[in-house]
Protein backbone atom coordinates (compact mmCIF):
# COMPACT_ATOMS: atom_id res chain seq x y z
CA MET A 1 -9.66 -16.04 -2.35
CA SER A 2 -11.00 -12.36 -2.27
CA ALA A 3 -12.75 -11.16 0.87
CA GLU A 4 -15.36 -8.52 1.22
CA TYR A 5 -15.81 -6.80 4.49
CA ARG A 6 -18.30 -4.08 5.50
CA VAL A 7 -17.55 -0.54 4.86
CA LYS A 8 -19.22 2.69 5.70
CA SER A 9 -20.35 3.60 2.41
CA ARG A 10 -22.33 0.70 1.74
CA ASN A 11 -22.96 -0.79 5.07
CA ASN A 12 -22.81 2.25 7.68
CA THR A 13 -20.38 0.68 9.74
CA THR A 14 -16.62 1.51 11.56
CA PRO A 15 -13.24 0.17 10.67
CA PHE A 16 -14.22 -1.95 13.91
CA GLU A 17 -16.63 -3.98 11.92
CA CYS A 18 -13.84 -4.26 9.02
CA VAL A 19 -11.50 -5.82 11.34
CA LYS A 20 -13.94 -8.33 12.75
CA ASP A 21 -14.92 -9.37 9.45
CA GLY A 22 -11.20 -9.89 8.38
CA LYS A 23 -10.95 -12.45 11.40
CA SER A 24 -14.31 -14.00 10.44
CA CYS A 25 -12.88 -14.62 7.09
CA MET A 26 -9.72 -16.12 8.44
CA ARG A 27 -11.66 -18.32 10.50
CA TYR A 28 -13.91 -19.46 7.66
CA ILE A 29 -11.14 -20.19 5.33
CA ARG A 30 -9.02 -22.36 8.00
CA SER A 31 -12.16 -24.24 9.07
CA HIS A 32 -13.11 -25.15 5.67
CA ALA A 33 -9.55 -25.79 4.21
CA ALA A 34 -10.17 -29.21 3.35
CA GLU A 35 -13.00 -28.51 1.34
CA LEU A 36 -11.27 -25.46 -0.30
CA GLY A 37 -8.05 -27.90 -0.96
CA ILE A 38 -5.61 -25.50 1.01
CA ASP A 39 -3.14 -26.02 3.45
CA PRO A 40 -4.48 -24.29 6.96
CA GLU A 41 -0.94 -23.80 7.94
CA LYS A 42 -0.05 -21.87 4.94
CA ILE A 43 -2.52 -19.07 4.57
CA ALA A 44 -1.45 -15.54 3.70
CA ILE A 45 -3.32 -12.27 4.33
CA GLY A 46 -3.15 -9.26 2.00
CA GLY A 47 -4.62 -5.90 1.22
CA GLY A 48 -3.88 -2.51 -0.10
CA SER A 49 -4.35 0.80 1.66
CA ALA A 50 -7.61 0.35 3.93
CA GLY A 51 -7.39 -3.49 3.25
CA GLY A 52 -3.70 -3.28 4.38
CA HIS A 53 -4.81 -1.94 7.38
CA VAL A 54 -7.50 -4.73 7.88
CA ALA A 55 -4.84 -7.44 7.05
CA ALA A 56 -2.43 -5.92 9.58
CA ALA A 57 -5.00 -5.46 12.48
CA VAL A 58 -6.28 -9.12 11.79
CA SER A 59 -2.64 -10.16 12.28
CA THR A 60 -2.02 -8.29 15.27
CA VAL A 61 -4.76 -6.79 17.28
CA PRO A 62 -5.91 -9.56 20.04
CA GLY A 63 -9.66 -7.92 20.34
CA LEU A 64 -12.44 -7.13 17.94
CA ASN A 65 -13.91 -10.63 17.29
CA ASP A 66 -17.29 -11.43 15.93
CA GLU A 67 -19.27 -13.22 18.75
CA ALA A 68 -20.73 -15.44 16.45
CA ASP A 69 -17.34 -16.74 15.12
CA ASP A 70 -15.96 -20.20 16.48
CA MET A 71 -12.90 -18.91 18.90
CA ASN A 72 -11.77 -22.34 18.73
CA VAL A 73 -10.31 -21.73 15.24
CA ASP A 74 -7.34 -19.78 14.88
CA HIS A 75 -8.07 -16.47 13.24
CA LEU A 76 -3.97 -15.53 12.81
CA PRO A 77 -2.70 -15.71 9.40
CA ASN A 78 0.66 -17.63 8.42
CA ALA A 79 2.05 -14.35 6.71
CA MET A 80 1.07 -10.93 5.68
CA VAL A 81 1.52 -9.24 2.19
CA LEU A 82 0.74 -5.76 2.34
CA PHE A 83 0.71 -2.94 -0.10
CA ASN A 84 0.67 0.85 1.58
CA PRO A 85 -1.07 -0.24 4.41
CA VAL A 86 -2.21 2.04 7.25
CA TYR A 87 -0.16 0.69 10.60
CA ASN A 88 -0.78 3.68 13.07
CA ASN A 89 -3.91 4.86 14.30
CA GLY A 90 -2.73 6.89 17.07
CA PRO A 91 -3.15 10.76 17.66
CA GLY A 92 -1.95 12.42 14.36
CA GLN A 93 -2.05 9.63 12.33
CA TYR A 94 -4.34 8.59 9.50
CA GLY A 95 -7.53 7.23 10.20
CA HIS A 96 -7.24 8.64 13.94
CA SER A 97 -10.46 10.52 13.45
CA ARG A 98 -12.64 7.65 12.88
CA VAL A 99 -11.30 5.26 15.60
CA LYS A 100 -10.97 8.26 18.20
CA GLU A 101 -10.49 7.24 21.74
CA ARG A 102 -10.37 3.62 20.64
CA TRP A 103 -7.17 3.75 18.57
CA GLN A 104 -5.40 1.40 20.56
CA GLU A 105 -7.66 -1.53 20.02
CA ILE A 106 -7.03 -1.06 16.07
CA SER A 107 -3.67 0.25 15.53
CA PRO A 108 -1.38 -2.64 14.11
CA ALA A 109 1.55 -0.45 15.41
CA HIS A 110 0.22 -0.59 18.82
CA ASN A 111 -0.16 -4.39 19.01
CA ILE A 112 2.87 -5.87 17.83
CA ARG A 113 3.74 -8.79 20.03
CA LYS A 114 5.56 -12.11 19.94
CA GLY A 115 4.12 -14.20 17.38
CA VAL A 116 2.78 -11.97 14.95
CA PRO A 117 3.21 -13.51 11.43
CA PRO A 118 6.08 -12.64 9.02
CA GLY A 119 4.99 -9.91 6.37
CA ILE A 120 6.37 -8.02 3.39
CA VAL A 121 5.33 -4.62 2.66
CA PHE A 122 5.31 -2.20 -0.54
CA PHE A 123 5.12 1.55 0.15
CA GLY A 124 5.59 4.54 -1.95
CA SER A 125 7.71 7.33 -0.18
CA GLU A 126 5.29 10.07 -1.70
CA ASP A 127 2.13 8.37 -0.27
CA PRO A 128 0.14 11.24 1.35
CA LEU A 129 -1.33 9.20 3.72
CA VAL A 130 1.42 7.60 5.59
CA THR A 131 5.03 8.17 6.08
CA VAL A 132 8.18 6.26 5.45
CA PRO A 133 9.22 6.57 9.23
CA THR A 134 5.98 4.97 10.24
CA MET A 135 6.92 2.09 8.03
CA GLU A 136 10.23 1.87 9.33
CA ALA A 137 9.06 1.89 12.83
CA PHE A 138 6.82 -1.17 12.40
CA LYS A 139 9.30 -2.97 10.72
CA LYS A 140 11.72 -2.32 13.50
CA ALA A 141 8.82 -3.24 16.20
CA MET A 142 8.37 -6.47 14.55
CA GLU A 143 11.99 -7.38 14.45
CA ASP A 144 12.18 -6.62 18.26
CA VAL A 145 9.57 -9.38 19.15
CA GLY A 146 11.60 -11.92 16.64
CA SER A 147 8.80 -11.39 13.47
CA ARG A 148 10.11 -10.87 9.86
CA SER A 149 9.08 -7.98 8.12
CA ASP A 150 10.68 -7.16 4.62
CA LEU A 151 10.08 -3.41 3.65
CA HIS A 152 10.23 -2.16 0.13
CA VAL A 153 9.87 1.51 -0.27
CA TYR A 154 9.66 2.60 -3.83
CA ASP A 155 11.42 6.26 -4.39
CA GLY A 156 9.01 9.09 -5.59
CA ARG A 157 5.85 6.60 -5.90
CA PRO A 158 2.51 7.62 -4.75
CA HIS A 159 -0.60 5.96 -2.90
CA GLY A 160 -1.50 2.65 -5.02
CA PHE A 161 1.77 2.99 -7.46
CA PHE A 162 1.80 -0.95 -7.49
CA ASN A 163 -1.48 -1.60 -9.50
CA LEU A 164 -1.38 -2.57 -12.90
CA ASN A 165 -2.95 0.50 -14.57
CA LYS A 166 -0.33 2.70 -13.14
CA GLY A 167 2.44 4.10 -15.17
CA ASP A 168 4.34 1.37 -17.38
CA GLY A 169 3.30 -1.49 -15.32
CA SER A 170 6.82 -2.02 -14.27
CA ASP A 171 5.99 -1.51 -10.53
CA TYR A 172 3.27 -4.16 -10.56
CA ILE A 173 5.50 -6.76 -12.17
CA ASP A 174 8.35 -6.04 -9.54
CA THR A 175 6.09 -5.92 -6.50
CA VAL A 176 4.28 -9.43 -7.65
CA ARG A 177 7.88 -10.95 -8.29
CA LYS A 178 9.01 -9.80 -4.46
CA MET A 179 5.98 -10.86 -3.24
CA ASP A 180 6.45 -14.47 -4.90
CA ALA A 181 9.82 -14.64 -3.86
CA PHE A 182 8.78 -13.94 -0.23
CA LEU A 183 6.10 -16.34 -0.03
CA ALA A 184 8.46 -19.00 -1.72
CA ASP A 185 10.79 -18.46 0.82
CA LEU A 186 8.20 -19.15 3.69
CA GLY A 187 7.67 -22.33 1.64
CA PHE A 188 4.21 -21.22 0.55
CA LEU A 189 5.02 -21.43 -3.12
CA GLU A 190 6.99 -23.57 -5.34
CA GLY A 191 8.31 -23.51 -8.96
CA GLU A 192 9.06 -20.62 -11.31
CA PRO A 193 7.68 -16.89 -10.32
CA THR A 194 4.11 -16.15 -11.83
CA ILE A 195 5.36 -13.05 -13.77
CA LYS A 196 8.68 -13.22 -15.79
CA ASN A 197 10.80 -10.17 -16.41
CA LYS A 198 10.11 -8.32 -19.33
CA GLU A 199 12.04 -8.99 -22.19
C-alpha cells in the first residue's frame, strides 16, 4: 500500500502533520487488516528521504497522534525499510530549521527506546543531507536497546541512488534483494526473491 501524507508544498503543513498522517495510516491498515487480506502483525513501514523520516518517526516517537484516531489501535509497525532516511533533527542536523525548538518531539534518533521495530537501512556515503556517522549512531542506539538494525552503506553513492532510473539499475536490484532477504528473515515473505540476479 502506498500512503500519501500532507506536505508543505500542497497542504501548507509542517513535518509534524506528516508524522501524524503516518501514524493514522498505520492504524487504518491494522484496523482494516481482515478486509485488506493482510496479517496485522506483519506490517512493514518504508520510505525514502523525507518518507524515510516519516517511517522512522512513526516507529520511534511516542507523541504526534491525530486526535481523531482510535488510540486503541496500535500504530507501531512490525518492521522498517528505510532508504536514505533523515534520522536526526537536532541542532546542526538536516531538517532542524523546520522543526526548531520542537526537534526532540520528532527526531527518530532521540526517541529510540526498547520495543522499536527491527529495521533495514540503505544509504549512500555521498548523501549531502545526512552523514554516515549519523546512520551508524542510529544503528548503535537501536542495538543498545535490543532492536535489530541492518545498515547497508553504498560507497560513493548520492541521495536517491537506489531508484530504478539511477545508473544501470544494479543498485535498485541489490537493495530490493537485500530488502527481500531482510523481510524473509523476519518471516514476512516466503519463496524466491522477487528480483533475480542479472545473467
